[in-house]
């Protein structure tokens, strides 16, 4: 799935905040992101995985925290 396809899906699902995260990563404003692994960024498992992979390719360090933190 290309970056454009991911962005299109995010637009269709009205997930502008995730699009902004990607844009921030592209511009170098987002270096790391803390995530609760069981929650992820979006409800769609496959799309969530693709967004995280894209962020990693853009140089974002993903830090997984537990539900307790």
C-alpha atoms as a PDB file:
ATOM      1  CA  UNK A   1       0.000   0.000   0.000  1.00  0.00           C
ATOM      2  CA  UNK A   2       1.475   3.332  -1.038  1.00  0.00           C
ATOM      3  CA  UNK A   3       1.546   6.506   1.026  1.00  0.00           C
ATOM      4  CA  UNK A   4      -1.077   7.988  -1.292  1.00  0.00           C
ATOM      5  CA  UNK A   5      -3.372   4.987  -0.805  1.00  0.00           C
ATOM      6  CA  UNK A   6      -2.968   5.228   2.962  1.00  0.00           C
ATOM      7  CA  UNK A   7      -3.759   8.950   2.880  1.00  0.00           C
ATOM      8  CA  UNK A   8      -6.823   8.312   0.710  1.00  0.00           C
ATOM      9  CA  UNK A   9      -8.165   5.708   3.156  1.00  0.00           C
ATOM     10  CA  UNK A  10      -7.542   8.048   6.073  1.00  0.00           C
ATOM     11  CA  UNK A  11      -9.429  10.832   4.265  1.00  0.00           C
ATOM     12  CA  UNK A  12     -12.342   8.492   3.531  1.00  0.00           C
ATOM     13  CA  UNK A  13     -12.482   7.530   7.220  1.00  0.00           C
ATOM     14  CA  UNK A  14     -12.202  11.218   8.230  1.00  0.00           C
ATOM     15  CA  UNK A  15      -9.022  10.607  10.236  1.00  0.00           C
ATOM     16  CA  UNK A  16      -7.469  14.031   9.688  1.00  0.00           C
ATOM     17  CA  UNK A  17      -5.454  13.813  12.909  1.00  0.00           C
ATOM     18  CA  UNK A  18      -3.572  10.763  11.588  1.00  0.00           C
ATOM     19  CA  UNK A  19      -2.947  12.554   8.289  1.00  0.00           C
ATOM     20  CA  UNK A  20      -1.486  15.449  10.292  1.00  0.00           C
ATOM     21  CA  UNK A  21       0.827  13.022  12.130  1.00  0.00           C
ATOM     22  CA  UNK A  22       2.117  11.742   8.792  1.00  0.00           C
ATOM     23  CA  UNK A  23       2.610  15.293   7.507  1.00  0.00           C
ATOM     24  CA  UNK A  24       4.481  16.227  10.709  1.00  0.00           C
ATOM     25  CA  UNK A  25       6.722  13.180  10.243  1.00  0.00           C
ATOM     26  CA  UNK A  26       7.407  14.144   6.619  1.00  0.00           C
ATOM     27  CA  UNK A  27       8.388  17.660   7.692  1.00  0.00           C
ATOM     28  CA  UNK A  28      10.647  16.356  10.459  1.00  0.00           C
ATOM     29  CA  UNK A  29       8.485  17.617  13.329  1.00  0.00           C
ATOM     30  CA  UNK A  30       7.655  14.161  14.676  1.00  0.00           C
ATOM     31  CA  UNK A  31      10.614  12.127  15.900  1.00  0.00           C
ATOM     32  CA  UNK A  32       8.929   9.669  18.238  1.00  0.00           C
ATOM     33  CA  UNK A  33       5.438   8.537  19.070  1.00  0.00           C
ATOM     34  CA  UNK A  34       4.233   6.706  22.165  1.00  0.00           C
ATOM     35  CA  UNK A  35       1.491   4.170  21.511  1.00  0.00           C
ATOM     36  CA  UNK A  36      -0.423   1.668  23.550  1.00  0.00           C
ATOM     37  CA  UNK A  37       0.141  -1.365  21.344  1.00  0.00           C
ATOM     38  CA  UNK A  38      -3.266  -2.881  22.089  1.00  0.00           C
ATOM     39  CA  UNK A  39      -4.981   0.348  20.951  1.00  0.00           C
ATOM     40  CA  UNK A  40      -2.857   1.506  18.022  1.00  0.00           C
ATOM     41  CA  UNK A  41      -3.720   4.604  16.013  1.00  0.00           C
ATOM     42  CA  UNK A  42      -6.804   3.507  14.052  1.00  0.00           C
ATOM     43  CA  UNK A  43      -9.443   0.824  14.559  1.00  0.00           C
ATOM     44  CA  UNK A  44      -8.759  -0.943  11.257  1.00  0.00           C
ATOM     45  CA  UNK A  45      -5.952  -3.405  12.076  1.00  0.00           C
ATOM     46  CA  UNK A  46      -4.417  -3.510   8.613  1.00  0.00           C
ATOM     47  CA  UNK A  47      -4.587   0.258   8.139  1.00  0.00           C
ATOM     48  CA  UNK A  48      -3.105   0.722  11.615  1.00  0.00           C
ATOM     49  CA  UNK A  49      -0.183  -1.531  10.706  1.00  0.00           C
ATOM     50  CA  UNK A  50       0.377   0.319   7.409  1.00  0.00           C
ATOM     51  CA  UNK A  51       0.292   3.752   9.088  1.00  0.00           C
ATOM     52  CA  UNK A  52       2.813   2.644  11.706  1.00  0.00           C
ATOM     53  CA  UNK A  53       5.079   1.175   8.991  1.00  0.00           C
ATOM     54  CA  UNK A  54       4.833   4.445   7.042  1.00  0.00           C
ATOM     55  CA  UNK A  55       5.715   6.497  10.116  1.00  0.00           C
ATOM     56  CA  UNK A  56       8.724   4.254  10.737  1.00  0.00           C
ATOM     57  CA  UNK A  57       9.936   4.727   7.154  1.00  0.00           C
ATOM     58  CA  UNK A  58       9.665   8.472   7.728  1.00  0.00           C
ATOM     59  CA  UNK A  59      12.063   8.137  10.663  1.00  0.00           C
ATOM     60  CA  UNK A  60       9.576   8.150  13.533  1.00  0.00           C
ATOM     61  CA  UNK A  61      10.585   6.010  16.495  1.00  0.00           C
ATOM     62  CA  UNK A  62       7.557   4.117  17.807  1.00  0.00           C
ATOM     63  CA  UNK A  63       7.621   3.597  21.576  1.00  0.00           C
ATOM     64  CA  UNK A  64       5.132   1.083  22.884  1.00  0.00           C
ATOM     65  CA  UNK A  65       3.811   1.629  26.389  1.00  0.00           C
ATOM     66  CA  UNK A  66       1.566  -0.609  28.442  1.00  0.00           C
ATOM     67  CA  UNK A  67      -2.054   0.138  29.275  1.00  0.00           C
ATOM     68  CA  UNK A  68      -0.921   0.893  32.833  1.00  0.00           C
ATOM     69  CA  UNK A  69       1.398   3.732  31.840  1.00  0.00           C
END
